[in-house]
Amino acid sequence: DQSVWDGPNAAQGVAEQLRQRNYRVVTVTLPGMGRNYAQSSEAIDLEVHIQHVLDVLELDNVTDATMVCHSYAGMVCAAAQDRAPANRIDKMVFFDAVVPESGESFFSAIGMPSPSLFPSLEVFYQTLGIPVPEENLWCFPPLRPEEDFRLTGANATWLRGQQRCQPINTLDKPLNFNWQDNVKKYYVHAPDDWFSYQAFLNFQTRATNMEWNMYSIPGSHYVLISNPDAVVQLLMLIDSIPYNNWPFS
């Protein structure tokens, strides 16, 4: 949801700060997510999200972009760098995002079992200790801002108000793709968050093994909400330092 890039105070959010520095910023709300939740349905899967991003790149005539992917969106961005025309994406920043291997779904990438292995979605949720949705079993409940993302105070309250469940087929559908050498890739890990550390440290290792440029930024999985200034400064560094001269590890 584009609201993540706006944050609780849109005037100080990541997107607006970059615009104030004369960057062109295109934010995306995926179908069935966030403010598009009214469109949510069981038919929305990973391919729907991928095609939506490809359409945005084309219809908004985006070229030579730095595409910033957060959390689940790493799945969508992995497909985008493989399928988009070569002039669309120059750099990709996987910001505490999943780095999949071809053939993985989001669930399998983070070590969760597929719902298809269970006799019903109710049993799937119960086995994993997740509250069973009162309706729309195909809609996976959001994680908790405080316990899972270590947000506090007004930031936690704001995020809880923004969160909606996510169509489960976006999380369980495998992705087949190839990493493209012409796209410059960065991985940014936020190590101070319990959920992020447990689920995403493996992706930092994958990115390191593929020799991506690396950076670690203090904060939670949602540091782009809790410390947007630091995120903006990092993205400006990525923009200004030549890829082969990246001084950080």
C-alpha atoms as a PDB file:
ATOM      1  CA  ASP A   1       0.000   0.000   0.000  1.00  0.00           C
ATOM      2  CA  GLN A   2       1.339   3.420  -0.919  1.00  0.00           C
ATOM      3  CA  SER A   3       0.412   4.649   2.579  1.00  0.00           C
ATOM      4  CA  VAL A   4       3.569   2.940   3.888  1.00  0.00           C
ATOM      5  CA  TRP A   5       5.637   5.354   1.793  1.00  0.00           C
ATOM      6  CA  ASP A   6       3.560   8.294   3.065  1.00  0.00           C
ATOM      7  CA  GLY A   7       3.616   7.265   6.718  1.00  0.00           C
ATOM      8  CA  PRO A   8       1.627   8.747   9.608  1.00  0.00           C
ATOM      9  CA  ASN A   9       2.739  12.245   8.582  1.00  0.00           C
ATOM     10  CA  ALA A  10       2.669  12.346   4.796  1.00  0.00           C
ATOM     11  CA  ALA A  11       4.605  15.637   4.680  1.00  0.00           C
ATOM     12  CA  GLN A  12       7.538  13.890   6.381  1.00  0.00           C
ATOM     13  CA  GLY A  13       7.106  10.472   4.764  1.00  0.00           C
ATOM     14  CA  VAL A  14       9.652   8.807   2.503  1.00  0.00           C
ATOM     15  CA  ALA A  15       7.782   9.595  -0.724  1.00  0.00           C
ATOM     16  CA  GLU A  16       7.223  13.292   0.003  1.00  0.00           C
ATOM     17  CA  GLN A  17      10.772  13.876   1.245  1.00  0.00           C
ATOM     18  CA  LEU A  18      12.126  12.419  -1.990  1.00  0.00           C
ATOM     19  CA  ARG A  19       9.742  14.540  -4.063  1.00  0.00           C
ATOM     20  CA  GLN A  20      10.929  17.635  -2.195  1.00  0.00           C
ATOM     21  CA  ARG A  21      14.430  16.709  -3.401  1.00  0.00           C
ATOM     22  CA  ASN A  22      13.223  16.633  -7.007  1.00  0.00           C
ATOM     23  CA  TYR A  23      12.927  12.875  -7.369  1.00  0.00           C
ATOM     24  CA  ARG A  24      10.028  11.480  -9.337  1.00  0.00           C
ATOM     25  CA  VAL A  25       8.300   9.019  -7.013  1.00  0.00           C
ATOM     26  CA  VAL A  26       5.668   6.524  -8.151  1.00  0.00           C
ATOM     27  CA  THR A  27       4.033   4.621  -5.293  1.00  0.00           C
ATOM     28  CA  VAL A  28       1.951   1.515  -5.866  1.00  0.00           C
ATOM     29  CA  THR A  29      -0.977  -0.010  -4.026  1.00  0.00           C
ATOM     30  CA  LEU A  30      -1.320  -3.635  -5.058  1.00  0.00           C
ATOM     31  CA  PRO A  31      -4.779  -5.023  -5.927  1.00  0.00           C
ATOM     32  CA  GLY A  32      -6.700  -6.144  -2.857  1.00  0.00           C
ATOM     33  CA  MET A  33      -4.212  -4.508  -0.483  1.00  0.00           C
ATOM     34  CA  GLY A  34      -4.524  -1.512   1.846  1.00  0.00           C
ATOM     35  CA  ARG A  35      -6.720   1.180   0.364  1.00  0.00           C
ATOM     36  CA  ASN A  36      -7.628  -1.248  -2.449  1.00  0.00           C
ATOM     37  CA  TYR A  37      -8.981  -3.772   0.043  1.00  0.00           C
ATOM     38  CA  ALA A  38     -12.521  -3.340  -1.306  1.00  0.00           C
ATOM     39  CA  GLN A  39     -11.296  -5.104  -4.476  1.00  0.00           C
ATOM     40  CA  SER A  40      -9.961  -8.061  -2.503  1.00  0.00           C
ATOM     41  CA  SER A  41     -10.998 -11.534  -3.601  1.00  0.00           C
ATOM     42  CA  GLU A  42      -9.787 -15.110  -3.622  1.00  0.00           C
ATOM     43  CA  ALA A  43      -8.923 -14.671  -7.323  1.00  0.00           C
ATOM     44  CA  ILE A  44      -6.106 -12.220  -6.557  1.00  0.00           C
ATOM     45  CA  ASP A  45      -2.797 -14.062  -6.620  1.00  0.00           C
ATOM     46  CA  LEU A  46       0.877 -13.278  -7.087  1.00  0.00           C
ATOM     47  CA  GLU A  47       0.499 -13.005 -10.876  1.00  0.00           C
ATOM     48  CA  VAL A  48      -2.169 -10.319 -10.474  1.00  0.00           C
ATOM     49  CA  HIS A  49       0.233  -8.278  -8.338  1.00  0.00           C
ATOM     50  CA  ILE A  50       3.113  -8.760 -10.777  1.00  0.00           C
ATOM     51  CA  GLN A  51       1.034  -7.695 -13.764  1.00  0.00           C
ATOM     52  CA  HIS A  52      -0.211  -4.631 -11.895  1.00  0.00           C
ATOM     53  CA  VAL A  53       3.360  -3.429 -11.288  1.00  0.00           C
ATOM     54  CA  LEU A  54       4.340  -4.104 -14.914  1.00  0.00           C
ATOM     55  CA  ASP A  55       1.305  -2.082 -16.014  1.00  0.00           C
ATOM     56  CA  VAL A  56       2.287   0.822 -13.747  1.00  0.00           C
ATOM     57  CA  LEU A  57       5.795   0.852 -15.219  1.00  0.00           C
ATOM     58  CA  GLU A  58       4.368   0.984 -18.737  1.00  0.00           C
ATOM     59  CA  LEU A  59       1.377   3.285 -18.259  1.00  0.00           C
ATOM     60  CA  ASP A  60       3.363   5.793 -16.169  1.00  0.00           C
ATOM     61  CA  ASN A  61       6.247   5.539 -18.651  1.00  0.00           C
ATOM     62  CA  VAL A  62       8.733   4.719 -15.909  1.00  0.00           C
ATOM     63  CA  THR A  63      12.311   4.355 -17.170  1.00  0.00           C
ATOM     64  CA  ASP A  64      15.694   3.902 -15.484  1.00  0.00           C
ATOM     65  CA  ALA A  65      13.910   3.482 -12.153  1.00  0.00           C
ATOM     66  CA  THR A  66      15.190   2.598  -8.733  1.00  0.00           C
ATOM     67  CA  MET A  67      12.496   0.159  -7.624  1.00  0.00           C
ATOM     68  CA  VAL A  68      12.230  -0.140  -3.844  1.00  0.00           C
ATOM     69  CA  CYS A  69      10.638  -3.347  -2.582  1.00  0.00           C
ATOM     70  CA  HIS A  70       9.575  -3.892   1.029  1.00  0.00           C
ATOM     71  CA  SER A  71       8.785  -7.228   2.700  1.00  0.00           C
ATOM     72  CA  TYR A  72       6.423  -9.423   0.593  1.00  0.00           C
ATOM     73  CA  ALA A  73       6.963  -7.092  -2.382  1.00  0.00           C
ATOM     74  CA  GLY A  74      10.338  -8.764  -2.960  1.00  0.00           C
ATOM     75  CA  MET A  75       8.344 -11.518  -4.687  1.00  0.00           C
ATOM     76  CA  VAL A  76       6.725  -9.012  -7.040  1.00  0.00           C
ATOM     77  CA  CYS A  77       9.988  -7.177  -7.702  1.00  0.00           C
ATOM     78  CA  ALA A  78      11.886 -10.389  -8.456  1.00  0.00           C
ATOM     79  CA  ALA A  79       9.383 -11.028 -11.235  1.00  0.00           C
ATOM     80  CA  ALA A  80       9.406  -7.404 -12.407  1.00  0.00           C
ATOM     81  CA  GLN A  81      13.184  -7.311 -12.937  1.00  0.00           C
ATOM     82  CA  ASP A  82      12.885 -10.477 -15.003  1.00  0.00           C
ATOM     83  CA  ARG A  83       9.882  -9.495 -17.127  1.00  0.00           C
ATOM     84  CA  ALA A  84      10.047  -5.721 -17.548  1.00  0.00           C
ATOM     85  CA  PRO A  85      11.712  -4.259 -20.651  1.00  0.00           C
ATOM     86  CA  ALA A  86      15.397  -3.544 -20.077  1.00  0.00           C
ATOM     87  CA  ASN A  87      14.964   0.251 -19.952  1.00  0.00           C
ATOM     88  CA  ARG A  88      12.387   0.227 -17.145  1.00  0.00           C
ATOM     89  CA  ILE A  89      14.449  -0.720 -14.077  1.00  0.00           C
ATOM     90  CA  ASP A  90      18.018   0.387 -13.414  1.00  0.00           C
ATOM     91  CA  LYS A  91      18.342  -0.503  -9.706  1.00  0.00           C
ATOM     92  CA  MET A  92      16.375  -2.594  -7.227  1.00  0.00           C
ATOM     93  CA  VAL A  93      16.514  -2.040  -3.475  1.00  0.00           C
ATOM     94  CA  PHE A  94      15.201  -5.001  -1.511  1.00  0.00           C
ATOM     95  CA  PHE A  95      14.349  -3.215   1.713  1.00  0.00           C
ATOM     96  CA  ASP A  96      14.001  -5.936   4.334  1.00  0.00           C
ATOM     97  CA  ALA A  97      12.275  -7.858   1.554  1.00  0.00           C
ATOM     98  CA  VAL A  98      12.055 -11.502   0.627  1.00  0.00           C
ATOM     99  CA  VAL A  99      14.742 -12.633  -1.845  1.00  0.00           C
ATOM    100  CA  PRO A 100      13.143 -15.709  -3.402  1.00  0.00           C
ATOM    101  CA  GLU A 101      14.700 -18.539  -5.310  1.00  0.00           C
ATOM    102  CA  SER A 102      12.922 -19.631  -8.466  1.00  0.00           C
ATOM    103  CA  GLY A 103      10.139 -22.067  -7.643  1.00  0.00           C
ATOM    104  CA  GLU A 104       9.462 -20.648  -4.183  1.00  0.00           C
ATOM    105  CA  SER A 105       6.335 -18.966  -2.897  1.00  0.00           C
ATOM    106  CA  PHE A 106       6.447 -16.323  -0.179  1.00  0.00           C
ATOM    107  CA  PHE A 107       5.356 -18.938   2.348  1.00  0.00           C
ATOM    108  CA  SER A 108       8.013 -21.462   1.327  1.00  0.00           C
ATOM    109  CA  ALA A 109      10.705 -18.757   1.155  1.00  0.00           C
ATOM    110  CA  ILE A 110      10.132 -17.796   4.796  1.00  0.00           C
ATOM    111  CA  GLY A 111       9.795 -21.409   5.908  1.00  0.00           C
ATOM    112  CA  MET A 112       6.013 -21.624   6.299  1.00  0.00           C
ATOM    113  CA  PRO A 113       4.058 -24.621   5.012  1.00  0.00           C
ATOM    114  CA  SER A 114       1.595 -24.324   2.154  1.00  0.00           C
ATOM    115  CA  PRO A 115      -2.095 -24.259   3.143  1.00  0.00           C
ATOM    116  CA  SER A 116      -2.578 -26.989   0.522  1.00  0.00           C
ATOM    117  CA  LEU A 117      -0.894 -29.429   2.926  1.00  0.00           C
ATOM    118  CA  PHE A 118      -3.767 -29.094   5.409  1.00  0.00           C
ATOM    119  CA  PRO A 119      -7.311 -30.462   5.196  1.00  0.00           C
ATOM    120  CA  SER A 120      -8.763 -26.950   5.451  1.00  0.00           C
ATOM    121  CA  LEU A 121      -7.754 -23.341   5.894  1.00  0.00           C
ATOM    122  CA  GLU A 122      -9.184 -23.465   9.416  1.00  0.00           C
ATOM    123  CA  VAL A 123      -6.745 -26.258  10.290  1.00  0.00           C
ATOM    124  CA  PHE A 124      -3.906 -24.341   8.602  1.00  0.00           C
ATOM    125  CA  TYR A 125      -4.501 -21.279  10.764  1.00  0.00           C
ATOM    126  CA  GLN A 126      -5.042 -23.302  13.934  1.00  0.00           C
ATOM    127  CA  THR A 127      -1.862 -25.337  13.408  1.00  0.00           C
ATOM    128  CA  LEU A 128       0.218 -22.190  12.987  1.00  0.00           C
ATOM    129  CA  GLY A 129      -1.395 -20.490  15.984  1.00  0.00           C
ATOM    130  CA  ILE A 130      -2.951 -17.765  13.820  1.00  0.00           C
ATOM    131  CA  PRO A 131      -6.442 -16.472  14.693  1.00  0.00           C
ATOM    132  CA  VAL A 132      -8.911 -17.967  12.253  1.00  0.00           C
ATOM    133  CA  PRO A 133     -10.552 -15.153  10.231  1.00  0.00           C
ATOM    134  CA  GLU A 134     -14.225 -14.771  11.073  1.00  0.00           C
ATOM    135  CA  GLU A 135     -14.961 -14.469   7.352  1.00  0.00           C
ATOM    136  CA  ASN A 136     -12.993 -14.689   4.119  1.00  0.00           C
ATOM    137  CA  LEU A 137     -10.726 -17.578   5.097  1.00  0.00           C
ATOM    138  CA  TRP A 138      -8.741 -16.902   1.918  1.00  0.00           C
ATOM    139  CA  CYS A 139      -7.563 -13.589   3.410  1.00  0.00           C
ATOM    140  CA  PHE A 140      -4.412 -13.996   5.551  1.00  0.00           C
ATOM    141  CA  PRO A 141      -4.508 -11.871   8.746  1.00  0.00           C
ATOM    142  CA  PRO A 142      -1.925  -9.088   9.217  1.00  0.00           C
ATOM    143  CA  LEU A 143       0.918  -9.409  11.706  1.00  0.00           C
ATOM    144  CA  ARG A 144       0.996  -7.327  14.895  1.00  0.00           C
ATOM    145  CA  PRO A 145       2.723  -3.921  14.851  1.00  0.00           C
ATOM    146  CA  GLU A 146       4.024  -4.130  18.427  1.00  0.00           C
ATOM    147  CA  GLU A 147       4.894  -7.791  18.926  1.00  0.00           C
ATOM    148  CA  ASP A 148       6.007  -8.696  15.397  1.00  0.00           C
ATOM    149  CA  PHE A 149       7.362  -5.396  14.095  1.00  0.00           C
ATOM    150  CA  ARG A 150       8.484  -3.682  17.331  1.00  0.00           C
ATOM    151  CA  LEU A 151       6.672  -0.469  16.534  1.00  0.00           C
ATOM    152  CA  THR A 152       5.482   1.592  19.487  1.00  0.00           C
ATOM    153  CA  GLY A 153       3.129   4.428  20.311  1.00  0.00           C
ATOM    154  CA  ALA A 154       1.555   6.441  17.535  1.00  0.00           C
ATOM    155  CA  ASN A 155       3.391   4.529  14.791  1.00  0.00           C
ATOM    156  CA  ALA A 156       1.965   1.207  15.980  1.00  0.00           C
ATOM    157  CA  THR A 157      -1.519   2.681  16.303  1.00  0.00           C
ATOM    158  CA  TRP A 158      -1.315   4.179  12.816  1.00  0.00           C
ATOM    159  CA  LEU A 159      -0.097   0.963  11.182  1.00  0.00           C
ATOM    160  CA  ARG A 160      -2.781  -1.106  12.903  1.00  0.00           C
ATOM    161  CA  GLY A 161      -5.378   1.225  11.431  1.00  0.00           C
ATOM    162  CA  GLN A 162      -3.920   0.800   7.928  1.00  0.00           C
ATOM    163  CA  GLN A 163      -3.521  -2.970   7.975  1.00  0.00           C
ATOM    164  CA  ARG A 164      -5.819  -5.317   6.087  1.00  0.00           C
ATOM    165  CA  CYS A 165      -5.642  -9.033   5.465  1.00  0.00           C
ATOM    166  CA  GLN A 166      -3.881 -10.250   2.293  1.00  0.00           C
ATOM    167  CA  PRO A 167      -5.281 -12.669  -0.324  1.00  0.00           C
ATOM    168  CA  ILE A 168      -3.620 -15.936   0.571  1.00  0.00           C
ATOM    169  CA  ASN A 169      -2.971 -16.916  -3.050  1.00  0.00           C
ATOM    170  CA  THR A 170      -0.500 -14.038  -3.311  1.00  0.00           C
ATOM    171  CA  LEU A 171       1.514 -15.715  -0.542  1.00  0.00           C
ATOM    172  CA  ASP A 172       1.218 -19.351  -1.601  1.00  0.00           C
ATOM    173  CA  LYS A 173       1.773 -19.172  -5.370  1.00  0.00           C
ATOM    174  CA  PRO A 174       5.280 -20.235  -6.532  1.00  0.00           C
ATOM    175  CA  LEU A 175       7.291 -17.876  -8.707  1.00  0.00           C
ATOM    176  CA  ASN A 176       9.511 -18.974 -11.576  1.00  0.00           C
ATOM    177  CA  PHE A 177      11.991 -16.336 -12.729  1.00  0.00           C
ATOM    178  CA  ASN A 178      15.635 -15.490 -13.416  1.00  0.00           C
ATOM    179  CA  TRP A 179      17.811 -12.799 -11.866  1.00  0.00           C
ATOM    180  CA  GLN A 180      18.853 -10.322 -14.579  1.00  0.00           C
ATOM    181  CA  ASP A 181      22.481  -9.150 -14.519  1.00  0.00           C
ATOM    182  CA  ASN A 182      21.668  -5.750 -16.066  1.00  0.00           C
ATOM    183  CA  VAL A 183      19.686  -4.666 -12.976  1.00  0.00           C
ATOM    184  CA  LYS A 184      21.811  -3.356 -10.083  1.00  0.00           C
ATOM    185  CA  LYS A 185      20.684  -4.911  -6.807  1.00  0.00           C
ATOM    186  CA  TYR A 186      20.922  -3.771  -3.189  1.00  0.00           C
ATOM    187  CA  TYR A 187      19.790  -5.497  -0.019  1.00  0.00           C
ATOM    188  CA  VAL A 188      18.976  -3.470   3.087  1.00  0.00           C
ATOM    189  CA  HIS A 189      18.433  -5.337   6.344  1.00  0.00           C
ATOM    190  CA  ALA A 190      16.873  -3.856   9.492  1.00  0.00           C
ATOM    191  CA  PRO A 191      18.358  -6.083  12.209  1.00  0.00           C
ATOM    192  CA  ASP A 192      16.650  -4.686  15.308  1.00  0.00           C
ATOM    193  CA  ASP A 193      13.304  -6.348  14.767  1.00  0.00           C
ATOM    194  CA  TRP A 194      12.426  -9.827  16.003  1.00  0.00           C
ATOM    195  CA  PHE A 195      10.231 -10.838  13.067  1.00  0.00           C
ATOM    196  CA  SER A 196      12.583  -9.370  10.520  1.00  0.00           C
ATOM    197  CA  TYR A 197      15.592 -11.056  12.059  1.00  0.00           C
ATOM    198  CA  GLN A 198      13.977 -14.481  12.188  1.00  0.00           C
ATOM    199  CA  ALA A 199      12.328 -14.454   8.781  1.00  0.00           C
ATOM    200  CA  PHE A 200      14.597 -12.262   6.691  1.00  0.00           C
ATOM    201  CA  LEU A 201      18.159 -12.876   7.848  1.00  0.00           C
ATOM    202  CA  ASN A 202      18.284 -15.769   5.394  1.00  0.00           C
ATOM    203  CA  PHE A 203      17.558 -13.341   2.558  1.00  0.00           C
ATOM    204  CA  GLN A 204      20.474 -11.157   3.587  1.00  0.00           C
ATOM    205  CA  THR A 205      22.656 -14.252   3.245  1.00  0.00           C
ATOM    206  CA  ARG A 206      21.221 -15.036  -0.190  1.00  0.00           C
ATOM    207  CA  ALA A 207      21.856 -11.500  -1.389  1.00  0.00           C
ATOM    208  CA  THR A 208      25.404 -11.586  -0.015  1.00  0.00           C
ATOM    209  CA  ASN A 209      26.079 -14.856  -1.838  1.00  0.00           C
ATOM    210  CA  MET A 210      24.865 -13.258  -5.079  1.00  0.00           C
ATOM    211  CA  GLU A 211      27.229 -10.314  -4.436  1.00  0.00           C
ATOM    212  CA  TRP A 212      24.542  -7.675  -4.162  1.00  0.00           C
ATOM    213  CA  ASN A 213      25.463  -4.367  -2.560  1.00  0.00           C
ATOM    214  CA  MET A 214      24.573  -4.576   1.121  1.00  0.00           C
ATOM    215  CA  TYR A 215      23.524  -2.172   3.846  1.00  0.00           C
ATOM    216  CA  SER A 216      22.183  -2.525   7.389  1.00  0.00           C
ATOM    217  CA  ILE A 217      19.951   0.181   8.833  1.00  0.00           C
ATOM    218  CA  PRO A 218      18.952   0.342  12.530  1.00  0.00           C
ATOM    219  CA  GLY A 219      15.258  -0.039  13.116  1.00  0.00           C
ATOM    220  CA  SER A 220      12.314  -2.346  12.804  1.00  0.00           C
ATOM    221  CA  HIS A 221      10.909  -4.070   9.739  1.00  0.00           C
ATOM    222  CA  TYR A 222       8.897  -0.849   9.291  1.00  0.00           C
ATOM    223  CA  VAL A 223      11.803   1.569   9.726  1.00  0.00           C
ATOM    224  CA  LEU A 224      10.404   3.445   6.730  1.00  0.00           C
ATOM    225  CA  ILE A 225       7.585   4.464   9.093  1.00  0.00           C
ATOM    226  CA  SER A 226       9.542   4.869  12.324  1.00  0.00           C
ATOM    227  CA  ASN A 227      12.586   6.604  10.775  1.00  0.00           C
ATOM    228  CA  PRO A 228      11.770   7.886   7.277  1.00  0.00           C
ATOM    229  CA  ASP A 229      14.668  10.365   7.376  1.00  0.00           C
ATOM    230  CA  ALA A 230      17.195   7.510   7.529  1.00  0.00           C
ATOM    231  CA  VAL A 231      15.486   5.707   4.652  1.00  0.00           C
ATOM    232  CA  VAL A 232      15.548   8.842   2.495  1.00  0.00           C
ATOM    233  CA  GLN A 233      19.247   9.418   3.207  1.00  0.00           C
ATOM    234  CA  LEU A 234      20.014   5.811   2.292  1.00  0.00           C
ATOM    235  CA  LEU A 235      18.102   5.988  -0.997  1.00  0.00           C
ATOM    236  CA  MET A 236      19.949   9.192  -1.860  1.00  0.00           C
ATOM    237  CA  LEU A 237      23.257   7.410  -1.160  1.00  0.00           C
ATOM    238  CA  ILE A 238      22.229   4.594  -3.479  1.00  0.00           C
ATOM    239  CA  ASP A 239      21.381   7.160  -6.139  1.00  0.00           C
ATOM    240  CA  SER A 240      24.644   9.087  -5.792  1.00  0.00           C
ATOM    241  CA  ILE A 241      27.337   6.401  -5.350  1.00  0.00           C
ATOM    242  CA  PRO A 242      28.277   4.338  -8.436  1.00  0.00           C
ATOM    243  CA  TYR A 243      27.282   0.719  -8.034  1.00  0.00           C
ATOM    244  CA  ASN A 244      30.818  -0.636  -8.359  1.00  0.00           C
ATOM    245  CA  ASN A 245      32.121   1.860  -5.784  1.00  0.00           C
ATOM    246  CA  TRP A 246      29.609   1.016  -3.057  1.00  0.00           C
ATOM    247  CA  PRO A 247      31.689   1.400   0.144  1.00  0.00           C
ATOM    248  CA  PHE A 248      29.391  -0.494   2.541  1.00  0.00           C
ATOM    249  CA  SER A 249      28.986  -4.177   3.283  1.00  0.00           C
END
